[in-house]
Amino acid sequence: MKFFVTGATGFLGAYFVQHAIQAGHSVMALKRPGGPKRAVVPNVQWVELELDQVQVTNLEGCDALVHFAAAGVSPKQASRLELMHWNVTASQQLLERAHIAGLRRVVVAGSFAEYGLSADKYDLIPPNAPLLPTTSYASSKAACFVTCHAIAVELGLELCYLRVFSAYGEGQFESNFWPALRKAALEGRDFEMTAGEQIRDYVPVDDVAIAFLHAASRDDIVGGAPSVYNVGSGHPVTVRAFAEGWWNRWHAKGQLKVGALPYRANEVMRFAPLITEPNPPIGEKS
């Protein structure tokens, strides 16, 4: 298959491209003008455009659109206007142009943050839980979902919307929790964190890429009837337990200072997904 991938230089997108190529697919990968230079990779064709500049001609000849690009992904900041433009309006335009180009399959990356306050109502959050976001970024992603869902129904697209929980791994922004924790551990420094009572589902980024590749190439997604899934490990833990586990694995010499930092404003204490469909086994390539 040939995939058109947005956000291909980002954390999740780069892993997806790698797995897609390893599985024998070809990729047309979008990067922003002036963005990071990429090494020449067989079967990857780089397209240097802003997301809202992608034309029908850029999408022609592809079998599926895999949409990772989003503004405001932590730790990057974006205004509410920017969030709505890139995460909603530009995404709507992209799906409409994909339809004109003849693409049927569309896979869109969502966020567990879309559930927001709804998460408090469930031990395990189902994919059809109400979306009650508590941040501007999360609200723009929830709006993206609603928009993509409607477009898919109206145009008969085979939409698979995957809400990703706490992905982590090599290549993640250094100020995110896992890479910041690792850096402190390997440098022998203390690490300050909250009390760590939050429940999160931490999922290795390779597992996320495999789930998206499966969604892009599976043959049971129905046009006009969007499918929505959570992508996680299925093993929620406290932030403290996750940190202590890695701290010990790295044989850190510094001190893990639990409780040194306050919780964020509007902190949702439990984000644990209901995995309604098991992810493909690790290492399986669609």
C-alpha atoms as a PDB file:
ATOM      1  CA  MET A   1       0.000   0.000   0.000  1.00  0.00           C
ATOM      2  CA  LYS A   2       0.966   3.643  -0.348  1.00  0.00           C
ATOM      3  CA  PHE A   3       0.299   5.939   2.596  1.00  0.00           C
ATOM      4  CA  PHE A   4       0.149   9.724   2.745  1.00  0.00           C
ATOM      5  CA  VAL A   5       1.387  10.557   6.244  1.00  0.00           C
ATOM      6  CA  THR A   6       1.072  13.928   7.970  1.00  0.00           C
ATOM      7  CA  GLY A   7       3.165  14.723  11.021  1.00  0.00           C
ATOM      8  CA  ALA A   8       5.781  12.338   9.655  1.00  0.00           C
ATOM      9  CA  THR A   9       8.655  14.132  11.425  1.00  0.00           C
ATOM     10  CA  GLY A  10       6.874  14.024  14.781  1.00  0.00           C
ATOM     11  CA  PHE A  11       7.205  11.457  17.540  1.00  0.00           C
ATOM     12  CA  LEU A  12       4.371   9.099  16.543  1.00  0.00           C
ATOM     13  CA  GLY A  13       4.526   9.806  12.816  1.00  0.00           C
ATOM     14  CA  ALA A  14       8.221   8.995  12.499  1.00  0.00           C
ATOM     15  CA  TYR A  15       7.731   5.612  14.156  1.00  0.00           C
ATOM     16  CA  PHE A  16       4.755   4.874  11.907  1.00  0.00           C
ATOM     17  CA  VAL A  17       6.817   5.649   8.791  1.00  0.00           C
ATOM     18  CA  GLN A  18       9.576   3.345   9.997  1.00  0.00           C
ATOM     19  CA  HIS A  19       7.171   0.470  10.633  1.00  0.00           C
ATOM     20  CA  ALA A  20       5.323   1.030   7.350  1.00  0.00           C
ATOM     21  CA  ILE A  21       8.561   0.851   5.346  1.00  0.00           C
ATOM     22  CA  GLN A  22       9.712  -2.247   7.247  1.00  0.00           C
ATOM     23  CA  ALA A  23       6.387  -3.886   6.382  1.00  0.00           C
ATOM     24  CA  GLY A  24       6.953  -3.261   2.654  1.00  0.00           C
ATOM     25  CA  HIS A  25       4.669  -0.266   2.144  1.00  0.00           C
ATOM     26  CA  SER A  26       5.615   3.001   0.451  1.00  0.00           C
ATOM     27  CA  VAL A  27       5.120   6.392   2.065  1.00  0.00           C
ATOM     28  CA  MET A  28       4.540   9.947   0.940  1.00  0.00           C
ATOM     29  CA  ALA A  29       5.506  11.938   4.043  1.00  0.00           C
ATOM     30  CA  LEU A  30       4.542  15.530   4.803  1.00  0.00           C
ATOM     31  CA  LYS A  31       6.983  17.896   6.497  1.00  0.00           C
ATOM     32  CA  ARG A  32       6.684  21.597   7.230  1.00  0.00           C
ATOM     33  CA  PRO A  33       8.844  23.989   5.195  1.00  0.00           C
ATOM     34  CA  GLY A  34      12.042  24.632   7.085  1.00  0.00           C
ATOM     35  CA  GLY A  35      11.410  21.661   9.348  1.00  0.00           C
ATOM     36  CA  PRO A  36      14.030  19.086  10.357  1.00  0.00           C
ATOM     37  CA  LYS A  37      16.004  17.512   7.545  1.00  0.00           C
ATOM     38  CA  ARG A  38      15.351  13.827   7.069  1.00  0.00           C
ATOM     39  CA  ALA A  39      17.731  11.137   5.920  1.00  0.00           C
ATOM     40  CA  VAL A  40      17.021   9.534   2.560  1.00  0.00           C
ATOM     41  CA  VAL A  41      14.829   6.510   3.260  1.00  0.00           C
ATOM     42  CA  PRO A  42      13.893   3.993   0.566  1.00  0.00           C
ATOM     43  CA  ASN A  43      10.227   4.168  -0.455  1.00  0.00           C
ATOM     44  CA  VAL A  44       9.670   7.506   1.318  1.00  0.00           C
ATOM     45  CA  GLN A  45       8.867  10.578  -0.750  1.00  0.00           C
ATOM     46  CA  TRP A  46       8.989  13.812   1.256  1.00  0.00           C
ATOM     47  CA  VAL A  47       6.499  16.585   0.516  1.00  0.00           C
ATOM     48  CA  GLU A  48       7.429  19.970   1.971  1.00  0.00           C
ATOM     49  CA  LEU A  49       4.179  21.869   2.567  1.00  0.00           C
ATOM     50  CA  GLU A  50       2.124  23.291   5.388  1.00  0.00           C
ATOM     51  CA  LEU A  51      -0.819  21.054   6.279  1.00  0.00           C
ATOM     52  CA  ASP A  52      -3.339  23.498   4.856  1.00  0.00           C
ATOM     53  CA  GLN A  53      -1.397  23.665   1.566  1.00  0.00           C
ATOM     54  CA  VAL A  54      -1.825  19.974   0.710  1.00  0.00           C
ATOM     55  CA  GLN A  55      -3.650  19.679  -2.600  1.00  0.00           C
ATOM     56  CA  VAL A  56      -5.678  16.920  -4.221  1.00  0.00           C
ATOM     57  CA  THR A  57      -2.777  16.249  -6.593  1.00  0.00           C
ATOM     58  CA  ASN A  58      -0.475  15.527  -3.632  1.00  0.00           C
ATOM     59  CA  LEU A  59      -2.839  12.809  -2.429  1.00  0.00           C
ATOM     60  CA  GLU A  60      -3.578  11.126  -5.756  1.00  0.00           C
ATOM     61  CA  GLY A  61      -2.187   7.622  -6.111  1.00  0.00           C
ATOM     62  CA  CYS A  62      -2.200   6.943  -2.367  1.00  0.00           C
ATOM     63  CA  ASP A  63      -4.287   4.199  -0.786  1.00  0.00           C
ATOM     64  CA  ALA A  64      -4.763   5.717   2.659  1.00  0.00           C
ATOM     65  CA  LEU A  65      -4.282   8.938   4.617  1.00  0.00           C
ATOM     66  CA  VAL A  66      -2.680   8.607   8.056  1.00  0.00           C
ATOM     67  CA  HIS A  67      -3.066  11.910   9.897  1.00  0.00           C
ATOM     68  CA  PHE A  68      -0.767  12.554  12.892  1.00  0.00           C
ATOM     69  CA  ALA A  69      -0.113  16.291  12.461  1.00  0.00           C
ATOM     70  CA  ALA A  70      -1.513  18.492  15.233  1.00  0.00           C
ATOM     71  CA  ALA A  71      -0.764  21.824  16.839  1.00  0.00           C
ATOM     72  CA  GLY A  72      -0.210  22.179  20.579  1.00  0.00           C
ATOM     73  CA  VAL A  73       1.151  18.702  21.304  1.00  0.00           C
ATOM     74  CA  SER A  74       2.973  18.841  24.652  1.00  0.00           C
ATOM     75  CA  PRO A  75       5.283  20.578  25.355  1.00  0.00           C
ATOM     76  CA  LYS A  76       4.637  22.853  22.353  1.00  0.00           C
ATOM     77  CA  GLN A  77       2.209  25.709  22.889  1.00  0.00           C
ATOM     78  CA  ALA A  78      -0.371  27.136  20.500  1.00  0.00           C
ATOM     79  CA  SER A  79      -3.067  29.766  20.783  1.00  0.00           C
ATOM     80  CA  ARG A  80      -6.721  28.769  20.703  1.00  0.00           C
ATOM     81  CA  LEU A  81      -6.977  30.254  17.214  1.00  0.00           C
ATOM     82  CA  GLU A  82      -4.012  28.194  16.020  1.00  0.00           C
ATOM     83  CA  LEU A  83      -5.389  25.055  17.633  1.00  0.00           C
ATOM     84  CA  MET A  84      -8.735  25.411  15.909  1.00  0.00           C
ATOM     85  CA  HIS A  85      -7.170  26.233  12.541  1.00  0.00           C
ATOM     86  CA  TRP A  86      -4.672  23.367  12.391  1.00  0.00           C
ATOM     87  CA  ASN A  87      -6.496  20.689  14.377  1.00  0.00           C
ATOM     88  CA  VAL A  88      -9.995  21.289  13.039  1.00  0.00           C
ATOM     89  CA  THR A  89     -10.210  23.429   9.905  1.00  0.00           C
ATOM     90  CA  ALA A  90      -7.045  22.128   8.214  1.00  0.00           C
ATOM     91  CA  SER A  91      -7.942  18.544   9.146  1.00  0.00           C
ATOM     92  CA  GLN A  92     -11.414  18.954   7.639  1.00  0.00           C
ATOM     93  CA  GLN A  93      -9.910  20.349   4.450  1.00  0.00           C
ATOM     94  CA  LEU A  94      -7.417  17.478   4.293  1.00  0.00           C
ATOM     95  CA  LEU A  95     -10.107  14.795   4.545  1.00  0.00           C
ATOM     96  CA  GLU A  96     -12.249  16.508   1.910  1.00  0.00           C
ATOM     97  CA  ARG A  97      -9.303  16.644  -0.494  1.00  0.00           C
ATOM     98  CA  ALA A  98      -8.409  13.015   0.252  1.00  0.00           C
ATOM     99  CA  HIS A  99     -11.950  12.060  -0.761  1.00  0.00           C
ATOM    100  CA  ILE A 100     -11.661  13.999  -4.025  1.00  0.00           C
ATOM    101  CA  ALA A 101      -8.324  12.274  -4.689  1.00  0.00           C
ATOM    102  CA  GLY A 102     -10.040   8.903  -4.417  1.00  0.00           C
ATOM    103  CA  LEU A 103      -8.766   7.774  -1.016  1.00  0.00           C
ATOM    104  CA  ARG A 104     -11.170   5.662   0.997  1.00  0.00           C
ATOM    105  CA  ARG A 105      -9.180   4.832   4.140  1.00  0.00           C
ATOM    106  CA  VAL A 106      -8.401   7.577   6.656  1.00  0.00           C
ATOM    107  CA  VAL A 107      -6.682   6.971  10.008  1.00  0.00           C
ATOM    108  CA  VAL A 108      -6.570   9.900  12.439  1.00  0.00           C
ATOM    109  CA  ALA A 109      -4.570  10.187  15.664  1.00  0.00           C
ATOM    110  CA  GLY A 110      -6.643  11.341  18.612  1.00  0.00           C
ATOM    111  CA  SER A 111      -5.717  11.924  22.248  1.00  0.00           C
ATOM    112  CA  PHE A 112      -6.895  10.436  25.548  1.00  0.00           C
ATOM    113  CA  ALA A 113      -7.109  14.054  26.768  1.00  0.00           C
ATOM    114  CA  GLU A 114     -10.314  14.414  24.742  1.00  0.00           C
ATOM    115  CA  TYR A 115     -12.172  12.464  27.453  1.00  0.00           C
ATOM    116  CA  GLY A 116     -11.270  15.027  30.119  1.00  0.00           C
ATOM    117  CA  LEU A 117     -13.673  15.020  33.077  1.00  0.00           C
ATOM    118  CA  SER A 118     -15.538  12.082  31.598  1.00  0.00           C
ATOM    119  CA  ALA A 119     -12.605   9.905  32.688  1.00  0.00           C
ATOM    120  CA  ASP A 120     -13.654  10.269  36.333  1.00  0.00           C
ATOM    121  CA  LYS A 121     -16.888   8.429  35.581  1.00  0.00           C
ATOM    122  CA  TYR A 122     -15.244   5.209  34.412  1.00  0.00           C
ATOM    123  CA  ASP A 123     -12.882   2.637  35.820  1.00  0.00           C
ATOM    124  CA  LEU A 124     -11.896   1.965  32.191  1.00  0.00           C
ATOM    125  CA  ILE A 125     -12.894   4.632  29.642  1.00  0.00           C
ATOM    126  CA  PRO A 126     -14.800   3.241  26.628  1.00  0.00           C
ATOM    127  CA  PRO A 127     -14.195   4.805  23.203  1.00  0.00           C
ATOM    128  CA  ASN A 128     -17.780   6.091  23.125  1.00  0.00           C
ATOM    129  CA  ALA A 129     -17.496   7.969  26.453  1.00  0.00           C
ATOM    130  CA  PRO A 130     -18.610  11.628  26.344  1.00  0.00           C
ATOM    131  CA  LEU A 131     -15.847  14.070  25.461  1.00  0.00           C
ATOM    132  CA  LEU A 132     -15.440  16.636  28.257  1.00  0.00           C
ATOM    133  CA  PRO A 133     -11.979  18.158  27.676  1.00  0.00           C
ATOM    134  CA  THR A 134     -10.349  20.443  30.238  1.00  0.00           C
ATOM    135  CA  THR A 135      -7.706  22.168  28.061  1.00  0.00           C
ATOM    136  CA  SER A 136      -7.740  24.121  24.822  1.00  0.00           C
ATOM    137  CA  TYR A 137      -5.593  21.490  23.116  1.00  0.00           C
ATOM    138  CA  ALA A 138      -7.891  18.677  24.189  1.00  0.00           C
ATOM    139  CA  SER A 139     -10.977  20.624  23.110  1.00  0.00           C
ATOM    140  CA  SER A 140      -9.478  21.178  19.649  1.00  0.00           C
ATOM    141  CA  LYS A 141      -8.775  17.439  19.332  1.00  0.00           C
ATOM    142  CA  ALA A 142     -12.324  16.631  20.437  1.00  0.00           C
ATOM    143  CA  ALA A 143     -13.600  19.076  17.813  1.00  0.00           C
ATOM    144  CA  CYS A 144     -11.319  17.394  15.279  1.00  0.00           C
ATOM    145  CA  PHE A 145     -12.919  14.049  16.078  1.00  0.00           C
ATOM    146  CA  VAL A 146     -16.469  15.354  15.728  1.00  0.00           C
ATOM    147  CA  THR A 147     -15.580  17.029  12.434  1.00  0.00           C
ATOM    148  CA  CYS A 148     -13.795  13.982  10.992  1.00  0.00           C
ATOM    149  CA  HIS A 149     -16.622  11.710  12.116  1.00  0.00           C
ATOM    150  CA  ALA A 150     -19.235  13.828  10.314  1.00  0.00           C
ATOM    151  CA  ILE A 151     -17.154  14.073   7.139  1.00  0.00           C
ATOM    152  CA  ALA A 152     -16.609  10.318   7.100  1.00  0.00           C
ATOM    153  CA  VAL A 153     -20.343   9.683   7.424  1.00  0.00           C
ATOM    154  CA  GLU A 154     -21.234  12.237   4.750  1.00  0.00           C
ATOM    155  CA  LEU A 155     -18.578  11.162   2.253  1.00  0.00           C
ATOM    156  CA  GLY A 156     -18.506   7.447   2.983  1.00  0.00           C
ATOM    157  CA  LEU A 157     -14.879   7.420   4.137  1.00  0.00           C
ATOM    158  CA  GLU A 158     -13.418   4.444   5.984  1.00  0.00           C
ATOM    159  CA  LEU A 159     -12.411   6.374   9.093  1.00  0.00           C
ATOM    160  CA  CYS A 160     -10.493   4.740  11.914  1.00  0.00           C
ATOM    161  CA  TYR A 161      -9.944   7.175  14.800  1.00  0.00           C
ATOM    162  CA  LEU A 162      -7.383   6.058  17.375  1.00  0.00           C
ATOM    163  CA  ARG A 163      -7.123   7.813  20.742  1.00  0.00           C
ATOM    164  CA  VAL A 164      -3.561   7.370  21.945  1.00  0.00           C
ATOM    165  CA  PHE A 165      -2.870   7.187  25.663  1.00  0.00           C
ATOM    166  CA  SER A 166       0.532   7.968  27.276  1.00  0.00           C
ATOM    167  CA  ALA A 167       2.969   6.967  24.542  1.00  0.00           C
ATOM    168  CA  TYR A 168       6.666   7.071  25.399  1.00  0.00           C
ATOM    169  CA  GLY A 169      10.016   6.130  23.887  1.00  0.00           C
ATOM    170  CA  GLU A 170      13.162   7.268  22.114  1.00  0.00           C
ATOM    171  CA  GLY A 171      12.783  10.510  20.183  1.00  0.00           C
ATOM    172  CA  GLN A 172      10.145  12.025  22.457  1.00  0.00           C
ATOM    173  CA  PHE A 173      10.497  15.679  23.475  1.00  0.00           C
ATOM    174  CA  GLU A 174      13.052  15.906  26.288  1.00  0.00           C
ATOM    175  CA  SER A 175      10.698  17.844  28.551  1.00  0.00           C
ATOM    176  CA  ASN A 176       8.038  15.114  28.450  1.00  0.00           C
ATOM    177  CA  PHE A 177       7.867  12.894  31.520  1.00  0.00           C
ATOM    178  CA  TRP A 178       9.673   9.718  30.425  1.00  0.00           C
ATOM    179  CA  PRO A 179      12.613  11.351  28.590  1.00  0.00           C
ATOM    180  CA  ALA A 180      13.054  13.924  31.373  1.00  0.00           C
ATOM    181  CA  LEU A 181      13.038  11.110  33.933  1.00  0.00           C
ATOM    182  CA  ARG A 182      15.589   9.130  31.917  1.00  0.00           C
ATOM    183  CA  LYS A 183      17.895  12.105  31.426  1.00  0.00           C
ATOM    184  CA  ALA A 184      17.981  12.816  35.156  1.00  0.00           C
ATOM    185  CA  ALA A 185      18.582   9.150  35.954  1.00  0.00           C
ATOM    186  CA  LEU A 186      21.441   8.740  33.492  1.00  0.00           C
ATOM    187  CA  GLU A 187      23.064  11.991  34.597  1.00  0.00           C
ATOM    188  CA  GLY A 188      22.862  11.020  38.271  1.00  0.00           C
ATOM    189  CA  ARG A 189      20.604  13.950  39.173  1.00  0.00           C
ATOM    190  CA  ASP A 190      17.598  14.132  41.450  1.00  0.00           C
ATOM    191  CA  PHE A 191      14.208  14.243  39.749  1.00  0.00           C
ATOM    192  CA  GLU A 192      11.309  16.298  41.086  1.00  0.00           C
ATOM    193  CA  MET A 193       7.783  15.114  40.392  1.00  0.00           C
ATOM    194  CA  THR A 194       4.267  15.287  41.793  1.00  0.00           C
ATOM    195  CA  ALA A 195       2.957  12.820  44.366  1.00  0.00           C
ATOM    196  CA  GLY A 196       2.327  10.579  41.364  1.00  0.00           C
ATOM    197  CA  GLU A 197      -1.102   9.345  42.393  1.00  0.00           C
ATOM    198  CA  GLN A 198      -2.465   9.877  38.883  1.00  0.00           C
ATOM    199  CA  ILE A 199      -3.430   6.712  37.007  1.00  0.00           C
ATOM    200  CA  ARG A 200      -2.115   6.567  33.451  1.00  0.00           C
ATOM    201  CA  ASP A 201      -1.730   3.959  30.720  1.00  0.00           C
ATOM    202  CA  TYR A 202       1.836   4.125  29.410  1.00  0.00           C
ATOM    203  CA  VAL A 203       2.269   2.517  26.012  1.00  0.00           C
ATOM    204  CA  PRO A 204       5.576   2.074  24.111  1.00  0.00           C
ATOM    205  CA  VAL A 205       5.631   4.115  20.921  1.00  0.00           C
ATOM    206  CA  ASP A 206       6.433   1.064  18.775  1.00  0.00           C
ATOM    207  CA  ASP A 207       3.147  -0.491  19.917  1.00  0.00           C
ATOM    208  CA  VAL A 208       1.320   2.685  18.872  1.00  0.00           C
ATOM    209  CA  ALA A 209       2.916   2.603  15.411  1.00  0.00           C
ATOM    210  CA  ILE A 210       1.899  -1.044  14.983  1.00  0.00           C
ATOM    211  CA  ALA A 211      -1.695  -0.216  15.950  1.00  0.00           C
ATOM    212  CA  PHE A 212      -1.842   2.577  13.355  1.00  0.00           C
ATOM    213  CA  LEU A 213      -0.333   0.374  10.656  1.00  0.00           C
ATOM    214  CA  HIS A 214      -2.962  -2.259  11.403  1.00  0.00           C
ATOM    215  CA  ALA A 215      -5.721   0.376  11.187  1.00  0.00           C
ATOM    216  CA  ALA A 216      -4.390   1.672   7.870  1.00  0.00           C
ATOM    217  CA  SER A 217      -4.251  -1.707   6.173  1.00  0.00           C
ATOM    218  CA  ARG A 218      -7.034  -3.829   7.728  1.00  0.00           C
ATOM    219  CA  ASP A 219      -9.939  -4.831   5.515  1.00  0.00           C
ATOM    220  CA  ASP A 220     -12.893  -4.639   7.909  1.00  0.00           C
ATOM    221  CA  ILE A 221     -13.434  -0.873   8.265  1.00  0.00           C
ATOM    222  CA  VAL A 222     -16.765   0.156   6.738  1.00  0.00           C
ATOM    223  CA  GLY A 223     -17.219   3.322   4.699  1.00  0.00           C
ATOM    224  CA  GLY A 224     -19.511   5.842   6.373  1.00  0.00           C
ATOM    225  CA  ALA A 225     -19.389   4.008   9.716  1.00  0.00           C
ATOM    226  CA  PRO A 226     -16.374   5.377  11.629  1.00  0.00           C
ATOM    227  CA  SER A 227     -14.494   3.065  13.995  1.00  0.00           C
ATOM    228  CA  VAL A 228     -13.062   4.489  17.217  1.00  0.00           C
ATOM    229  CA  TYR A 229     -10.508   2.710  19.408  1.00  0.00           C
ATOM    230  CA  ASN A 230      -8.298   3.429  22.380  1.00  0.00           C
ATOM    231  CA  VAL A 231      -4.604   2.671  21.938  1.00  0.00           C
ATOM    232  CA  GLY A 232      -2.868   1.746  25.183  1.00  0.00           C
ATOM    233  CA  SER A 233      -1.090  -1.050  26.985  1.00  0.00           C
ATOM    234  CA  GLY A 234      -4.174  -2.142  28.887  1.00  0.00           C
ATOM    235  CA  HIS A 235      -2.154  -1.978  32.111  1.00  0.00           C
ATOM    236  CA  PRO A 236      -2.822   1.345  33.884  1.00  0.00           C
ATOM    237  CA  VAL A 237      -0.445   2.249  36.717  1.00  0.00           C
ATOM    238  CA  THR A 238       0.201   5.203  38.978  1.00  0.00           C
ATOM    239  CA  VAL A 239       2.660   7.779  37.679  1.00  0.00           C
ATOM    240  CA  ARG A 240       4.748   7.085  40.776  1.00  0.00           C
ATOM    241  CA  ALA A 241       4.922   3.331  40.103  1.00  0.00           C
ATOM    242  CA  PHE A 242       5.884   3.984  36.482  1.00  0.00           C
ATOM    243  CA  ALA A 243       8.627   6.412  37.535  1.00  0.00           C
ATOM    244  CA  GLU A 244       9.976   4.144  40.268  1.00  0.00           C
ATOM    245  CA  GLY A 245      10.074   1.174  37.911  1.00  0.00           C
ATOM    246  CA  TRP A 246      12.196   2.982  35.343  1.00  0.00           C
ATOM    247  CA  TRP A 247      14.310   4.708  38.013  1.00  0.00           C
ATOM    248  CA  ASN A 248      15.294   1.312  39.360  1.00  0.00           C
ATOM    249  CA  ARG A 249      15.819  -0.157  35.887  1.00  0.00           C
ATOM    250  CA  TRP A 250      18.286   2.618  35.094  1.00  0.00           C
ATOM    251  CA  HIS A 251      20.047   2.122  38.458  1.00  0.00           C
ATOM    252  CA  ALA A 252      19.672   5.851  39.061  1.00  0.00           C
ATOM    253  CA  LYS A 253      22.029   7.379  41.627  1.00  0.00           C
ATOM    254  CA  GLY A 254      19.938  10.492  42.265  1.00  0.00           C
ATOM    255  CA  GLN A 255      16.826  10.774  44.387  1.00  0.00           C
ATOM    256  CA  LEU A 256      13.306  10.517  43.036  1.00  0.00           C
ATOM    257  CA  LYS A 257      11.667  13.443  44.838  1.00  0.00           C
ATOM    258  CA  VAL A 258       8.038  12.367  44.950  1.00  0.00           C
ATOM    259  CA  GLY A 259       5.681  15.180  45.939  1.00  0.00           C
ATOM    260  CA  ALA A 260       8.140  17.989  45.200  1.00  0.00           C
ATOM    261  CA  LEU A 261       5.846  19.448  42.528  1.00  0.00           C
ATOM    262  CA  PRO A 262       2.133  20.341  42.690  1.00  0.00           C
ATOM    263  CA  TYR A 263      -0.415  18.783  40.389  1.00  0.00           C
ATOM    264  CA  ARG A 264      -1.367  20.761  37.318  1.00  0.00           C
ATOM    265  CA  ALA A 265      -4.500  22.858  37.340  1.00  0.00           C
ATOM    266  CA  ASN A 266      -7.534  20.781  36.266  1.00  0.00           C
ATOM    267  CA  GLU A 267      -5.504  17.563  36.684  1.00  0.00           C
ATOM    268  CA  VAL A 268      -7.593  14.508  35.819  1.00  0.00           C
ATOM    269  CA  MET A 269      -6.460  11.826  38.249  1.00  0.00           C
ATOM    270  CA  ARG A 270      -7.429   8.718  36.328  1.00  0.00           C
ATOM    271  CA  PHE A 271      -7.030   8.053  32.596  1.00  0.00           C
ATOM    272  CA  ALA A 272      -7.363   4.308  32.059  1.00  0.00           C
ATOM    273  CA  PRO A 273      -8.629   3.021  28.698  1.00  0.00           C
ATOM    274  CA  LEU A 274     -10.988   0.218  27.860  1.00  0.00           C
ATOM    275  CA  ILE A 275      -9.185  -1.661  25.101  1.00  0.00           C
ATOM    276  CA  THR A 276     -12.081  -2.923  22.996  1.00  0.00           C
ATOM    277  CA  GLU A 277      -9.823  -4.517  20.424  1.00  0.00           C
ATOM    278  CA  PRO A 278      -6.413  -5.978  21.266  1.00  0.00           C
ATOM    279  CA  ASN A 279      -3.504  -4.352  19.498  1.00  0.00           C
ATOM    280  CA  PRO A 280      -1.627  -6.617  17.054  1.00  0.00           C
ATOM    281  CA  PRO A 281       1.082  -8.669  18.779  1.00  0.00           C
ATOM    282  CA  ILE A 282       4.387  -6.846  19.193  1.00  0.00           C
ATOM    283  CA  GLY A 283       6.505  -7.286  16.116  1.00  0.00           C
ATOM    284  CA  GLU A 284       3.573  -8.239  13.883  1.00  0.00           C
ATOM    285  CA  LYS A 285       3.515  -6.242  10.665  1.00  0.00           C
ATOM    286  CA  SER A 286       0.331  -5.766   8.700  1.00  0.00           C
END
